[in-house]
């Protein structure tokens, strides 16, 4: 079982959670700054977050192709200052289902709404 879950994570990539990111930062800036640590698959910045509406900072996820890239960004990219904010980097916790898997359809009306939001954003 452990080998199969590792293979599944390898296909999806390895995510780093970046906390205390400026709300004014663009995802391409994060991609450029953190690409020195490894091959980046994608970057997600939570620009609109109800829990952090009163904060000046937000969070982001950076997905690397290899675990080495994710580990290297945690070691070297932690405590980096970007746009006046000192960012914290952690290895992200993996969920059991991806948004694409949720969109496969399980008859849940909320799931179909989330799928529409995902499709609309892309």
Protein backbone atom coordinates (compact mmCIF):
# COMPACT_ATOMS: atom_id res chain seq x y z
CA UNK A 1 0.00 0.00 0.00
CA UNK A 2 2.76 2.44 0.85
CA UNK A 3 4.37 2.04 -2.55
CA UNK A 4 1.11 2.66 -4.38
CA UNK A 5 0.34 5.85 -2.44
CA UNK A 6 3.85 7.13 -3.13
CA UNK A 7 3.39 6.40 -6.84
CA UNK A 8 0.09 8.31 -6.81
CA UNK A 9 1.70 11.30 -5.07
CA UNK A 10 4.58 11.16 -7.53
CA UNK A 11 2.15 11.57 -10.43
CA UNK A 12 0.41 14.51 -8.75
CA UNK A 13 3.61 16.10 -7.50
CA UNK A 14 4.75 17.19 -4.07
CA UNK A 15 3.30 20.39 -2.62
CA UNK A 16 4.90 22.97 -0.39
CA UNK A 17 2.65 25.19 1.74
CA UNK A 18 3.85 28.80 1.82
CA UNK A 19 2.38 30.91 4.62
CA UNK A 20 2.45 34.68 5.23
CA UNK A 21 2.45 35.61 1.54
CA UNK A 22 1.52 39.16 0.56
CA UNK A 23 -1.97 39.46 -0.95
CA UNK A 24 -0.47 41.73 -3.60
CA UNK A 25 2.01 39.16 -4.92
CA UNK A 26 1.47 37.57 -8.33
CA UNK A 27 1.76 33.82 -8.78
CA UNK A 28 4.45 34.29 -11.45
CA UNK A 29 6.63 36.06 -8.88
CA UNK A 30 6.36 33.04 -6.58
CA UNK A 31 7.07 30.69 -9.47
CA UNK A 32 10.17 32.65 -10.45
CA UNK A 33 11.45 32.93 -6.87
CA UNK A 34 10.95 29.27 -5.97
CA UNK A 35 11.84 27.65 -9.31
CA UNK A 36 15.52 27.66 -8.33
CA UNK A 37 14.75 24.80 -5.89
CA UNK A 38 13.18 22.44 -8.44
CA UNK A 39 10.83 21.90 -11.37
CA UNK A 40 7.47 23.53 -10.52
CA UNK A 41 4.25 22.00 -11.83
CA UNK A 42 1.91 24.78 -10.68
CA UNK A 43 1.39 27.59 -8.17
CA UNK A 44 -1.84 28.44 -6.34
CA UNK A 45 -2.27 31.64 -4.34
CA UNK A 46 -5.37 32.02 -2.15
CA UNK A 47 -6.25 35.61 -2.97
CA UNK A 48 -9.76 35.36 -1.55
CA UNK A 49 -10.00 33.59 1.76
CA UNK A 50 -12.76 34.30 4.29
CA UNK A 51 -10.61 33.25 7.24
CA UNK A 52 -7.88 35.71 6.30
CA UNK A 53 -10.01 38.62 5.12
CA UNK A 54 -8.72 40.84 7.94
CA UNK A 55 -5.07 39.86 7.51
CA UNK A 56 -2.61 41.54 5.18
CA UNK A 57 -1.17 38.17 4.17
CA UNK A 58 -2.46 34.95 2.65
CA UNK A 59 -1.04 31.53 1.75
CA UNK A 60 0.03 29.65 -1.36
CA UNK A 61 0.78 26.15 -2.57
CA UNK A 62 3.70 25.36 -4.86
CA UNK A 63 3.65 21.91 -6.42
CA UNK A 64 7.00 20.39 -7.38
CA UNK A 65 7.62 17.46 -9.69
CA UNK A 66 9.99 15.77 -7.22
CA UNK A 67 10.15 15.39 -3.47
CA UNK A 68 13.70 16.76 -3.57
CA UNK A 69 12.43 20.11 -4.85
CA UNK A 70 9.81 20.31 -2.12
CA UNK A 71 12.33 19.41 0.59
CA UNK A 72 14.89 21.86 -0.76
CA UNK A 73 12.40 24.76 -0.74
CA UNK A 74 11.53 23.91 2.88
CA UNK A 75 15.20 23.97 3.87
CA UNK A 76 16.38 26.96 1.84
CA UNK A 77 13.23 28.96 1.06
CA UNK A 78 11.89 29.18 4.61
CA UNK A 79 12.11 32.64 6.22
CA UNK A 80 12.61 34.31 2.82
CA UNK A 81 11.43 37.92 2.66
CA UNK A 82 9.10 38.63 -0.27
CA UNK A 83 7.27 41.97 -0.70
CA UNK A 84 8.10 42.84 2.90
CA UNK A 85 6.68 39.60 4.33
CA UNK A 86 8.76 36.83 5.89
CA UNK A 87 7.28 33.65 4.38
CA UNK A 88 7.16 30.29 6.13
CA UNK A 89 7.40 27.11 4.05
CA UNK A 90 6.14 23.66 5.08
CA UNK A 91 5.48 20.36 3.34
CA UNK A 92 1.77 20.40 2.51
CA UNK A 93 -0.56 17.73 3.85
CA UNK A 94 -1.97 15.64 1.02
CA UNK A 95 -5.71 15.21 0.72
CA UNK A 96 -7.13 11.89 -0.36
CA UNK A 97 -9.06 13.36 -3.29
CA UNK A 98 -8.06 15.97 -5.83
CA UNK A 99 -10.54 18.52 -7.20
CA UNK A 100 -10.52 16.60 -10.47
CA UNK A 101 -11.50 13.42 -8.61
CA UNK A 102 -14.29 15.32 -6.89
CA UNK A 103 -15.51 16.44 -10.30
CA UNK A 104 -15.83 12.84 -11.43
CA UNK A 105 -19.32 12.97 -9.98
CA UNK A 106 -20.67 11.19 -6.96
CA UNK A 107 -24.18 12.64 -7.14
CA UNK A 108 -23.42 15.34 -4.58
CA UNK A 109 -24.86 18.69 -5.63
CA UNK A 110 -22.16 20.62 -3.74
CA UNK A 111 -19.46 18.65 -5.57
CA UNK A 112 -20.90 19.68 -8.92
CA UNK A 113 -20.92 23.31 -7.76
CA UNK A 114 -17.26 23.02 -6.79
CA UNK A 115 -16.53 21.52 -10.21
CA UNK A 116 -18.21 24.44 -11.91
CA UNK A 117 -16.08 26.84 -9.84
CA UNK A 118 -12.92 24.95 -10.83
CA UNK A 119 -13.86 24.94 -14.50
CA UNK A 120 -14.81 28.62 -14.41
CA UNK A 121 -11.49 29.62 -12.82
CA UNK A 122 -9.50 27.75 -15.45
